[in-house]
Amino acid sequence: MVRQRSKKAKEGEQQMQLALAGLDDGTYRSVDHAIKELGVPRSTLRRRRSGEKPRWEGKENERLLTNHEEKALADWISLCTVAGNPVDYSFIKEMAEELRKSKMKSTGQFVRPIGTTWVPRFLERHFHLKTKISKAIESARVRDVTKEQFLEFNSEFRCIIHENNLELQNIYNADETGIYSSILN
């Protein structure tokens, strides 16, 4: 099991980010003012202000992917989940493997393979990505949907199509999460 970053460490990093942002935008007049307001360590704040990276970011050369590659992967996962497409561990590992392979091709250097604990460590480094256990929607459909509900949805769906003059080839992904249509000019 991967060692989890402590709640205290996460909160400390968030406070440090607030302090740095506050010093940049003028919320805090000085380093001392930020320290007093947020309770962050003086030495750490001074080092971070001078450009030193946090410990987890400074170990980039020891990781399989660069910080930019990891950020791109994390952003892609966020976009997928916002669009209603959860990404599982195996797919994250597959995407990371593709990034790793492209790095090997471009640099010509060997990059060690992705291990079994890479995905949990990646998710720990990007703690804004939350893993949710999804329940099978099929069982809810079978158990909770009645014939009347189905007919009502179908009737309402047809009314929307008629009211908006939508062509059937421009309608896709119609389900309980919504109806998406493409308007072609």
N, C-alpha and C. Protein backbone atom coordinates (compact mmCIF):
# COMPACT_ATOMS: atom_id res chain seq x y z
N MET A 1 0.84 -1.19 0.00
CA MET A 1 0.00 0.00 0.00
C MET A 1 0.88 1.24 0.00
N VAL A 2 0.48 2.25 -0.74
CA VAL A 2 1.22 3.50 -0.84
C VAL A 2 0.96 4.34 0.40
N ARG A 3 2.03 4.91 0.93
CA ARG A 3 1.89 5.77 2.10
C ARG A 3 1.12 7.02 1.73
N GLN A 4 0.06 7.29 2.42
CA GLN A 4 -0.77 8.44 2.12
C GLN A 4 -0.16 9.71 2.69
N ARG A 5 -0.31 10.77 1.93
CA ARG A 5 0.12 12.07 2.41
C ARG A 5 -0.81 12.46 3.55
N SER A 6 -0.26 12.90 4.65
CA SER A 6 -1.08 13.20 5.81
C SER A 6 -1.98 14.41 5.55
N LYS A 7 -3.08 14.44 6.28
CA LYS A 7 -4.02 15.56 6.17
C LYS A 7 -3.31 16.87 6.54
N LYS A 8 -2.45 16.79 7.54
CA LYS A 8 -1.71 17.96 7.99
C LYS A 8 -0.78 18.48 6.88
N ALA A 9 -0.13 17.55 6.16
CA ALA A 9 0.75 17.94 5.06
C ALA A 9 -0.04 18.60 3.93
N LYS A 10 -1.19 18.04 3.62
CA LYS A 10 -2.04 18.62 2.57
C LYS A 10 -2.49 20.02 2.94
N GLU A 11 -2.94 20.16 4.19
CA GLU A 11 -3.39 21.47 4.66
C GLU A 11 -2.24 22.47 4.67
N GLY A 12 -1.05 22.01 5.08
CA GLY A 12 0.13 22.88 5.09
C GLY A 12 0.48 23.37 3.70
N GLU A 13 0.39 22.47 2.72
CA GLU A 13 0.68 22.86 1.33
C GLU A 13 -0.36 23.85 0.82
N GLN A 14 -1.61 23.65 1.18
CA GLN A 14 -2.65 24.58 0.77
C GLN A 14 -2.41 25.96 1.39
N GLN A 15 -2.03 25.98 2.67
CA GLN A 15 -1.73 27.25 3.34
C GLN A 15 -0.53 27.94 2.68
N MET A 16 0.48 27.15 2.32
CA MET A 16 1.67 27.69 1.66
C MET A 16 1.29 28.31 0.31
N GLN A 17 0.44 27.62 -0.44
CA GLN A 17 -0.01 28.15 -1.73
C GLN A 17 -0.79 29.45 -1.53
N LEU A 18 -1.63 29.50 -0.49
CA LEU A 18 -2.36 30.74 -0.18
C LEU A 18 -1.40 31.88 0.17
N ALA A 19 -0.38 31.56 0.95
CA ALA A 19 0.60 32.57 1.35
C ALA A 19 1.35 33.10 0.12
N LEU A 20 1.80 32.20 -0.74
CA LEU A 20 2.53 32.63 -1.94
C LEU A 20 1.65 33.47 -2.85
N ALA A 21 0.41 33.03 -3.04
CA ALA A 21 -0.52 33.79 -3.89
C ALA A 21 -0.84 35.14 -3.26
N GLY A 22 -1.03 35.15 -1.93
CA GLY A 22 -1.33 36.39 -1.22
C GLY A 22 -0.18 37.39 -1.28
N LEU A 23 1.04 36.91 -1.23
CA LEU A 23 2.20 37.80 -1.36
C LEU A 23 2.30 38.35 -2.77
N ASP A 24 1.96 37.53 -3.76
CA ASP A 24 2.02 37.98 -5.15
C ASP A 24 0.93 39.00 -5.48
N ASP A 25 -0.28 38.79 -4.95
CA ASP A 25 -1.38 39.70 -5.31
C ASP A 25 -1.58 40.85 -4.32
N GLY A 26 -0.74 40.91 -3.28
CA GLY A 26 -0.80 42.03 -2.35
C GLY A 26 -1.74 41.83 -1.17
N THR A 27 -2.30 40.65 -1.02
CA THR A 27 -3.16 40.36 0.12
C THR A 27 -2.36 40.51 1.42
N TYR A 28 -1.11 40.06 1.37
CA TYR A 28 -0.22 40.17 2.53
C TYR A 28 0.88 41.16 2.20
N ARG A 29 1.14 42.08 3.14
CA ARG A 29 2.12 43.14 2.93
C ARG A 29 3.55 42.62 2.91
N SER A 30 3.78 41.56 3.69
CA SER A 30 5.14 41.03 3.81
C SER A 30 5.09 39.55 4.15
N VAL A 31 6.26 38.94 4.15
CA VAL A 31 6.36 37.54 4.54
C VAL A 31 5.90 37.38 5.99
N ASP A 32 6.29 38.32 6.84
CA ASP A 32 5.89 38.25 8.25
C ASP A 32 4.38 38.32 8.41
N HIS A 33 3.73 39.17 7.59
CA HIS A 33 2.28 39.29 7.65
C HIS A 33 1.61 37.97 7.23
N ALA A 34 2.12 37.33 6.19
CA ALA A 34 1.58 36.05 5.73
C ALA A 34 1.78 34.96 6.78
N ILE A 35 2.95 34.96 7.43
CA ILE A 35 3.25 33.98 8.47
C ILE A 35 2.29 34.15 9.64
N LYS A 36 2.05 35.39 10.02
CA LYS A 36 1.17 35.68 11.15
C LYS A 36 -0.27 35.25 10.84
N GLU A 37 -0.72 35.53 9.63
CA GLU A 37 -2.10 35.22 9.26
C GLU A 37 -2.34 33.73 9.03
N LEU A 38 -1.40 33.06 8.39
CA LEU A 38 -1.62 31.67 7.98
C LEU A 38 -0.86 30.63 8.79
N GLY A 39 0.13 31.05 9.55
CA GLY A 39 0.87 30.12 10.39
C GLY A 39 1.78 29.17 9.62
N VAL A 40 2.29 29.62 8.48
CA VAL A 40 3.21 28.77 7.70
C VAL A 40 4.63 28.97 8.21
N PRO A 41 5.51 27.98 8.05
CA PRO A 41 6.89 28.12 8.52
C PRO A 41 7.65 29.21 7.73
N ARG A 42 8.36 30.06 8.45
CA ARG A 42 9.10 31.17 7.84
C ARG A 42 10.15 30.67 6.85
N SER A 43 10.93 29.69 7.27
CA SER A 43 12.02 29.21 6.41
C SER A 43 11.48 28.60 5.11
N THR A 44 10.41 27.85 5.21
CA THR A 44 9.82 27.23 4.02
C THR A 44 9.26 28.30 3.10
N LEU A 45 8.56 29.27 3.66
CA LEU A 45 7.98 30.34 2.83
C LEU A 45 9.09 31.13 2.14
N ARG A 46 10.16 31.43 2.84
CA ARG A 46 11.27 32.17 2.22
C ARG A 46 11.93 31.36 1.10
N ARG A 47 12.14 30.06 1.33
CA ARG A 47 12.72 29.21 0.29
C ARG A 47 11.80 29.13 -0.92
N ARG A 48 10.52 28.96 -0.68
CA ARG A 48 9.58 28.85 -1.79
C ARG A 48 9.46 30.16 -2.56
N ARG A 49 9.58 31.30 -1.84
CA ARG A 49 9.55 32.61 -2.50
C ARG A 49 10.78 32.80 -3.39
N SER A 50 11.89 32.19 -2.98
CA SER A 50 13.12 32.34 -3.77
C SER A 50 13.16 31.36 -4.95
N GLY A 51 12.09 30.57 -5.12
CA GLY A 51 12.01 29.70 -6.29
C GLY A 51 12.23 28.23 -6.04
N GLU A 52 12.53 27.85 -4.78
CA GLU A 52 12.73 26.44 -4.50
C GLU A 52 11.40 25.70 -4.61
N LYS A 53 11.46 24.52 -5.18
CA LYS A 53 10.26 23.73 -5.36
C LYS A 53 9.93 22.97 -4.09
N PRO A 54 8.64 22.60 -3.92
CA PRO A 54 8.31 21.73 -2.78
C PRO A 54 8.96 20.37 -2.98
N ARG A 55 9.12 19.62 -1.92
CA ARG A 55 9.83 18.34 -1.96
C ARG A 55 9.25 17.40 -3.01
N TRP A 56 7.91 17.29 -3.04
CA TRP A 56 7.28 16.35 -3.98
C TRP A 56 7.49 16.78 -5.43
N GLU A 57 7.64 18.08 -5.68
CA GLU A 57 7.84 18.57 -7.03
C GLU A 57 9.31 18.49 -7.43
N GLY A 58 10.19 18.58 -6.46
CA GLY A 58 11.62 18.57 -6.73
C GLY A 58 12.16 17.21 -7.12
N LYS A 59 11.39 16.17 -6.95
CA LYS A 59 11.84 14.81 -7.27
C LYS A 59 11.42 14.42 -8.68
N GLU A 60 11.23 15.39 -9.54
CA GLU A 60 10.77 15.13 -10.91
C GLU A 60 11.71 14.19 -11.66
N ASN A 61 13.02 14.35 -11.48
CA ASN A 61 13.97 13.51 -12.22
C ASN A 61 13.92 12.05 -11.79
N GLU A 62 13.31 11.76 -10.64
CA GLU A 62 13.19 10.38 -10.18
C GLU A 62 11.89 9.72 -10.64
N ARG A 63 10.99 10.51 -11.23
CA ARG A 63 9.69 9.98 -11.62
C ARG A 63 9.67 9.59 -13.09
N LEU A 64 8.68 8.78 -13.43
CA LEU A 64 8.54 8.31 -14.81
C LEU A 64 8.11 9.42 -15.75
N LEU A 65 7.24 10.31 -15.27
CA LEU A 65 6.73 11.40 -16.09
C LEU A 65 7.19 12.74 -15.52
N THR A 66 7.35 13.72 -16.38
CA THR A 66 7.73 15.05 -15.91
C THR A 66 6.52 15.70 -15.24
N ASN A 67 6.76 16.79 -14.55
CA ASN A 67 5.66 17.53 -13.92
C ASN A 67 4.63 17.97 -14.95
N HIS A 68 5.11 18.42 -16.12
CA HIS A 68 4.18 18.86 -17.17
C HIS A 68 3.34 17.69 -17.69
N GLU A 69 3.97 16.54 -17.86
CA GLU A 69 3.23 15.36 -18.32
C GLU A 69 2.21 14.92 -17.28
N GLU A 70 2.60 14.94 -16.02
CA GLU A 70 1.67 14.57 -14.95
C GLU A 70 0.52 15.55 -14.87
N LYS A 71 0.82 16.84 -15.02
CA LYS A 71 -0.24 17.85 -14.98
C LYS A 71 -1.20 17.65 -16.15
N ALA A 72 -0.67 17.38 -17.33
CA ALA A 72 -1.52 17.14 -18.49
C ALA A 72 -2.41 15.92 -18.26
N LEU A 73 -1.85 14.87 -17.69
CA LEU A 73 -2.62 13.66 -17.40
C LEU A 73 -3.71 13.95 -16.37
N ALA A 74 -3.36 14.69 -15.32
CA ALA A 74 -4.33 15.05 -14.28
C ALA A 74 -5.45 15.92 -14.86
N ASP A 75 -5.09 16.88 -15.72
CA ASP A 75 -6.10 17.74 -16.36
C ASP A 75 -7.03 16.91 -17.24
N TRP A 76 -6.47 15.95 -17.96
CA TRP A 76 -7.28 15.09 -18.83
C TRP A 76 -8.26 14.26 -17.99
N ILE A 77 -7.79 13.73 -16.86
CA ILE A 77 -8.66 12.95 -15.98
C ILE A 77 -9.79 13.82 -15.46
N SER A 78 -9.46 15.06 -15.07
CA SER A 78 -10.49 15.99 -14.58
C SER A 78 -11.53 16.27 -15.66
N LEU A 79 -11.07 16.51 -16.88
CA LEU A 79 -12.02 16.77 -17.97
C LEU A 79 -12.92 15.56 -18.23
N CYS A 80 -12.34 14.38 -18.19
CA CYS A 80 -13.14 13.17 -18.42
C CYS A 80 -14.22 13.02 -17.36
N THR A 81 -13.85 13.23 -16.10
CA THR A 81 -14.82 13.04 -15.03
C THR A 81 -15.90 14.12 -15.05
N VAL A 82 -15.53 15.35 -15.42
CA VAL A 82 -16.52 16.41 -15.53
C VAL A 82 -17.53 16.07 -16.62
N ALA A 83 -17.06 15.45 -17.69
CA ALA A 83 -17.94 15.07 -18.80
C ALA A 83 -18.74 13.81 -18.48
N GLY A 84 -18.56 13.24 -17.30
CA GLY A 84 -19.33 12.07 -16.89
C GLY A 84 -18.73 10.76 -17.30
N ASN A 85 -17.43 10.77 -17.63
CA ASN A 85 -16.74 9.54 -18.02
C ASN A 85 -15.67 9.22 -17.00
N PRO A 86 -16.00 8.41 -15.99
CA PRO A 86 -14.99 8.09 -14.98
C PRO A 86 -13.83 7.32 -15.59
N VAL A 87 -12.64 7.60 -15.09
CA VAL A 87 -11.42 6.96 -15.59
C VAL A 87 -10.92 6.00 -14.52
N ASP A 88 -10.74 4.73 -14.87
CA ASP A 88 -10.28 3.77 -13.88
C ASP A 88 -8.76 3.65 -13.89
N TYR A 89 -8.23 2.95 -12.90
CA TYR A 89 -6.79 2.81 -12.72
C TYR A 89 -6.10 2.27 -13.97
N SER A 90 -6.70 1.27 -14.58
CA SER A 90 -6.04 0.64 -15.73
C SER A 90 -5.91 1.61 -16.89
N PHE A 91 -6.90 2.48 -17.07
CA PHE A 91 -6.83 3.44 -18.17
C PHE A 91 -5.80 4.54 -17.87
N ILE A 92 -5.70 4.96 -16.61
CA ILE A 92 -4.69 5.94 -16.22
C ILE A 92 -3.30 5.35 -16.48
N LYS A 93 -3.12 4.09 -16.10
CA LYS A 93 -1.84 3.44 -16.31
C LYS A 93 -1.53 3.32 -17.80
N GLU A 94 -2.55 3.03 -18.60
CA GLU A 94 -2.37 2.91 -20.05
C GLU A 94 -1.94 4.24 -20.66
N MET A 95 -2.58 5.34 -20.24
CA MET A 95 -2.21 6.67 -20.74
C MET A 95 -0.79 7.04 -20.32
N ALA A 96 -0.44 6.73 -19.08
CA ALA A 96 0.92 7.01 -18.60
C ALA A 96 1.94 6.18 -19.39
N GLU A 97 1.58 4.96 -19.72
CA GLU A 97 2.46 4.09 -20.50
C GLU A 97 2.71 4.68 -21.89
N GLU A 98 1.68 5.25 -22.49
CA GLU A 98 1.85 5.90 -23.80
C GLU A 98 2.78 7.11 -23.70
N LEU A 99 2.62 7.90 -22.63
CA LEU A 99 3.52 9.04 -22.42
C LEU A 99 4.96 8.55 -22.21
N ARG A 100 5.11 7.49 -21.45
CA ARG A 100 6.43 6.91 -21.19
C ARG A 100 7.07 6.43 -22.48
N LYS A 101 6.30 5.74 -23.32
CA LYS A 101 6.83 5.24 -24.59
C LYS A 101 7.26 6.38 -25.50
N SER A 102 6.45 7.44 -25.55
CA SER A 102 6.82 8.57 -26.40
C SER A 102 8.09 9.25 -25.90
N LYS A 103 8.29 9.27 -24.58
CA LYS A 103 9.52 9.84 -24.01
C LYS A 103 10.72 8.98 -24.41
N MET A 104 10.55 7.66 -24.39
CA MET A 104 11.64 6.76 -24.76
C MET A 104 12.01 6.95 -26.22
N LYS A 105 11.01 7.14 -27.08
CA LYS A 105 11.27 7.34 -28.50
C LYS A 105 11.99 8.67 -28.75
N SER A 106 11.54 9.73 -28.07
CA SER A 106 12.12 11.05 -28.32
C SER A 106 13.53 11.21 -27.74
N THR A 107 13.78 10.63 -26.56
CA THR A 107 15.10 10.79 -25.94
C THR A 107 16.05 9.65 -26.27
N GLY A 108 15.50 8.51 -26.62
CA GLY A 108 16.34 7.34 -26.91
C GLY A 108 16.87 6.68 -25.66
N GLN A 109 16.44 7.14 -24.51
CA GLN A 109 16.90 6.57 -23.24
C GLN A 109 15.86 5.59 -22.71
N PHE A 110 16.34 4.63 -21.94
CA PHE A 110 15.43 3.68 -21.30
C PHE A 110 14.73 4.38 -20.15
N VAL A 111 13.42 4.21 -20.07
CA VAL A 111 12.64 4.71 -18.95
C VAL A 111 11.99 3.49 -18.31
N ARG A 112 12.22 3.31 -17.01
CA ARG A 112 11.74 2.10 -16.35
C ARG A 112 10.23 1.94 -16.51
N PRO A 113 9.75 0.70 -16.53
CA PRO A 113 8.32 0.45 -16.72
C PRO A 113 7.49 0.93 -15.53
N ILE A 114 6.21 1.08 -15.76
CA ILE A 114 5.29 1.54 -14.73
C ILE A 114 4.98 0.37 -13.80
N GLY A 115 5.17 0.61 -12.51
CA GLY A 115 4.94 -0.43 -11.51
C GLY A 115 3.50 -0.48 -11.04
N THR A 116 3.23 -1.41 -10.17
CA THR A 116 1.86 -1.61 -9.69
C THR A 116 1.39 -0.50 -8.76
N THR A 117 2.32 0.21 -8.12
CA THR A 117 1.91 1.28 -7.20
C THR A 117 1.98 2.67 -7.83
N TRP A 118 2.27 2.75 -9.12
CA TRP A 118 2.43 4.07 -9.75
C TRP A 118 1.13 4.87 -9.72
N VAL A 119 0.02 4.26 -10.09
CA VAL A 119 -1.25 5.00 -10.15
C VAL A 119 -1.66 5.53 -8.77
N PRO A 120 -1.64 4.72 -7.71
CA PRO A 120 -1.97 5.29 -6.40
C PRO A 120 -1.04 6.43 -5.98
N ARG A 121 0.26 6.31 -6.30
CA ARG A 121 1.19 7.40 -5.96
C ARG A 121 0.88 8.65 -6.78
N PHE A 122 0.55 8.46 -8.06
CA PHE A 122 0.17 9.59 -8.93
C PHE A 122 -1.06 10.29 -8.35
N LEU A 123 -2.06 9.52 -7.96
CA LEU A 123 -3.28 10.10 -7.39
C LEU A 123 -3.00 10.79 -6.06
N GLU A 124 -2.03 10.29 -5.32
CA GLU A 124 -1.66 10.93 -4.07
C GLU A 124 -0.96 12.27 -4.33
N ARG A 125 -0.13 12.32 -5.37
CA ARG A 125 0.54 13.58 -5.72
C ARG A 125 -0.47 14.61 -6.23
N HIS A 126 -1.52 14.14 -6.86
CA HIS A 126 -2.57 15.02 -7.39
C HIS A 126 -3.84 14.76 -6.58
N PHE A 127 -3.80 15.23 -5.33
CA PHE A 127 -4.86 14.90 -4.39
C PHE A 127 -6.20 15.52 -4.73
N HIS A 128 -6.23 16.44 -5.71
CA HIS A 128 -7.52 17.00 -6.14
C HIS A 128 -8.33 15.99 -6.94
N LEU A 129 -7.67 14.94 -7.42
CA LEU A 129 -8.37 13.88 -8.14
C LEU A 129 -8.90 12.89 -7.10
N LYS A 130 -10.16 12.81 -6.99
CA LYS A 130 -10.78 11.92 -6.01
C LYS A 130 -11.26 10.67 -6.72
N THR A 131 -11.07 9.54 -6.10
CA THR A 131 -11.56 8.29 -6.65
C THR A 131 -12.93 8.02 -6.05
N LYS A 132 -13.87 7.75 -6.91
CA LYS A 132 -15.21 7.42 -6.44
C LYS A 132 -15.53 6.00 -6.86
N ILE A 133 -16.12 5.29 -5.97
CA ILE A 133 -16.55 3.93 -6.28
C ILE A 133 -17.90 4.05 -6.99
N SER A 134 -17.94 3.60 -8.23
CA SER A 134 -19.18 3.71 -8.98
C SER A 134 -20.01 2.45 -8.79
N LYS A 135 -21.31 2.65 -8.72
CA LYS A 135 -22.22 1.52 -8.61
C LYS A 135 -22.79 1.25 -9.99
N ALA A 136 -23.10 0.04 -10.23
CA ALA A 136 -23.64 -0.31 -11.53
C ALA A 136 -24.99 0.38 -11.72
N ILE A 137 -25.09 1.15 -12.78
CA ILE A 137 -26.32 1.88 -13.05
C ILE A 137 -27.40 0.94 -13.58
N GLU A 138 -26.99 -0.15 -14.15
CA GLU A 138 -27.94 -1.11 -14.72
C GLU A 138 -28.91 -1.63 -13.67
N SER A 139 -28.42 -1.95 -12.49
CA SER A 139 -29.31 -2.48 -11.46
C SER A 139 -30.34 -1.45 -11.04
N ALA A 140 -29.94 -0.17 -10.98
CA ALA A 140 -30.89 0.89 -10.64
C ALA A 140 -31.93 1.04 -11.74
N ARG A 141 -31.51 0.91 -12.99
CA ARG A 141 -32.47 1.02 -14.10
C ARG A 141 -33.51 -0.09 -14.01
N VAL A 142 -33.06 -1.29 -13.80
CA VAL A 142 -33.97 -2.43 -13.76
C VAL A 142 -34.91 -2.32 -12.57
N ARG A 143 -34.39 -1.96 -11.44
CA ARG A 143 -35.18 -1.95 -10.22
C ARG A 143 -36.13 -0.77 -10.12
N ASP A 144 -35.70 0.42 -10.55
CA ASP A 144 -36.45 1.64 -10.26
C ASP A 144 -37.26 2.21 -11.42
N VAL A 145 -37.00 1.82 -12.64
CA VAL A 145 -37.69 2.41 -13.78
C VAL A 145 -38.96 1.63 -14.09
N THR A 146 -40.05 2.38 -14.22
CA THR A 146 -41.32 1.75 -14.57
C THR A 146 -41.65 2.03 -16.03
N LYS A 147 -42.63 1.32 -16.54
CA LYS A 147 -43.07 1.51 -17.92
C LYS A 147 -43.60 2.93 -18.10
N GLU A 148 -44.33 3.46 -17.12
CA GLU A 148 -44.88 4.81 -17.21
C GLU A 148 -43.76 5.86 -17.29
N GLN A 149 -42.72 5.69 -16.49
CA GLN A 149 -41.59 6.63 -16.53
C GLN A 149 -40.91 6.59 -17.89
N PHE A 150 -40.74 5.41 -18.42
CA PHE A 150 -40.12 5.26 -19.73
C PHE A 150 -40.94 5.96 -20.81
N LEU A 151 -42.25 5.74 -20.80
CA LEU A 151 -43.13 6.36 -21.80
C LEU A 151 -43.14 7.89 -21.65
N GLU A 152 -43.12 8.38 -20.40
CA GLU A 152 -43.09 9.82 -20.16
C GLU A 152 -41.79 10.45 -20.69
N PHE A 153 -40.65 9.78 -20.41
CA PHE A 153 -39.37 10.27 -20.92
C PHE A 153 -39.38 10.29 -22.44
N ASN A 154 -39.85 9.23 -23.06
CA ASN A 154 -39.90 9.14 -24.51
C ASN A 154 -40.77 10.25 -25.09
N SER A 155 -41.93 10.50 -24.48
CA SER A 155 -42.83 11.56 -24.95
C SER A 155 -42.17 12.93 -24.83
N GLU A 156 -41.54 13.19 -23.71
CA GLU A 156 -40.87 14.48 -23.49
C GLU A 156 -39.70 14.66 -24.46
N PHE A 157 -38.99 13.57 -24.69
CA PHE A 157 -37.87 13.59 -25.64
C PHE A 157 -38.35 13.96 -27.04
N ARG A 158 -39.43 13.36 -27.47
CA ARG A 158 -39.99 13.66 -28.79
C ARG A 158 -40.46 15.11 -28.89
N CYS A 159 -41.03 15.65 -27.80
CA CYS A 159 -41.47 17.06 -27.79
C CYS A 159 -40.27 18.00 -27.96
N ILE A 160 -39.19 17.70 -27.29
CA ILE A 160 -37.98 18.54 -27.40
C ILE A 160 -37.45 18.51 -28.83
N ILE A 161 -37.44 17.34 -29.42
CA ILE A 161 -36.98 17.21 -30.81
C ILE A 161 -37.86 18.06 -31.73
N HIS A 162 -39.16 17.96 -31.55
CA HIS A 162 -40.10 18.68 -32.41
C HIS A 162 -40.00 20.20 -32.19
N GLU A 163 -39.97 20.65 -30.93
CA GLU A 163 -39.91 22.08 -30.61
C GLU A 163 -38.66 22.74 -31.16
N ASN A 164 -37.55 22.03 -31.16
CA ASN A 164 -36.28 22.62 -31.59
C ASN A 164 -35.89 22.26 -33.02
N ASN A 165 -36.77 21.57 -33.73
CA ASN A 165 -36.51 21.15 -35.11
C ASN A 165 -35.16 20.44 -35.23
N LEU A 166 -34.93 19.50 -34.34
CA LEU A 166 -33.66 18.77 -34.36
C LEU A 166 -33.76 17.58 -35.31
N GLU A 167 -32.68 17.36 -36.04
CA GLU A 167 -32.62 16.19 -36.90
C GLU A 167 -32.01 15.04 -36.10
N LEU A 168 -32.52 13.85 -36.35
CA LEU A 168 -32.09 12.70 -35.56
C LEU A 168 -30.60 12.42 -35.68
N GLN A 169 -29.98 12.68 -36.83
CA GLN A 169 -28.55 12.40 -36.97
C GLN A 169 -27.69 13.38 -36.16
N ASN A 170 -28.30 14.47 -35.65
CA ASN A 170 -27.56 15.44 -34.85
C ASN A 170 -27.77 15.24 -33.35
N ILE A 171 -28.43 14.16 -32.96
CA ILE A 171 -28.69 13.88 -31.55
C ILE A 171 -27.88 12.66 -31.16
N TYR A 172 -27.17 12.78 -30.04
CA TYR A 172 -26.37 11.66 -29.58
C TYR A 172 -26.28 11.69 -28.06
N ASN A 173 -25.96 10.56 -27.49
CA ASN A 173 -25.78 10.41 -26.05
C ASN A 173 -27.00 10.88 -25.26
N ALA A 174 -28.17 10.37 -25.61
CA ALA A 174 -29.38 10.69 -24.87
C ALA A 174 -29.60 9.62 -23.81
N ASP A 175 -29.46 10.01 -22.54
CA ASP A 175 -29.70 9.08 -21.45
C ASP A 175 -30.14 9.86 -20.22
N GLU A 176 -30.12 9.22 -19.05
CA GLU A 176 -30.61 9.89 -17.85
C GLU A 176 -29.73 11.04 -17.40
N THR A 177 -28.53 11.18 -17.95
CA THR A 177 -27.67 12.30 -17.55
C THR A 177 -27.92 13.54 -18.39
N GLY A 178 -28.62 13.39 -19.50
CA GLY A 178 -28.93 14.55 -20.34
C GLY A 178 -29.02 14.18 -21.79
N ILE A 179 -29.32 15.17 -22.60
CA ILE A 179 -29.43 14.99 -24.05
C ILE A 179 -28.47 15.98 -24.69
N TYR A 180 -27.54 15.48 -25.47
CA TYR A 180 -26.58 16.33 -26.13
C TYR A 180 -26.89 16.34 -27.62
N SER A 181 -26.93 17.52 -28.18
CA SER A 181 -27.20 17.60 -29.61
C SER A 181 -26.16 18.47 -30.27
N SER A 182 -25.97 18.24 -31.54
CA SER A 182 -25.02 19.03 -32.32
C SER A 182 -25.83 19.81 -33.35
N ILE A 183 -25.68 21.11 -33.35
CA ILE A 183 -26.41 21.94 -34.30
C ILE A 183 -25.46 22.24 -35.45
N LEU A 184 -25.78 21.72 -36.62
CA LEU A 184 -24.96 21.93 -37.81
C LEU A 184 -25.52 23.08 -38.62
N ASN A 185 -24.65 23.97 -39.05
CA ASN A 185 -25.10 25.10 -39.87
C ASN A 185 -24.89 24.79 -41.34
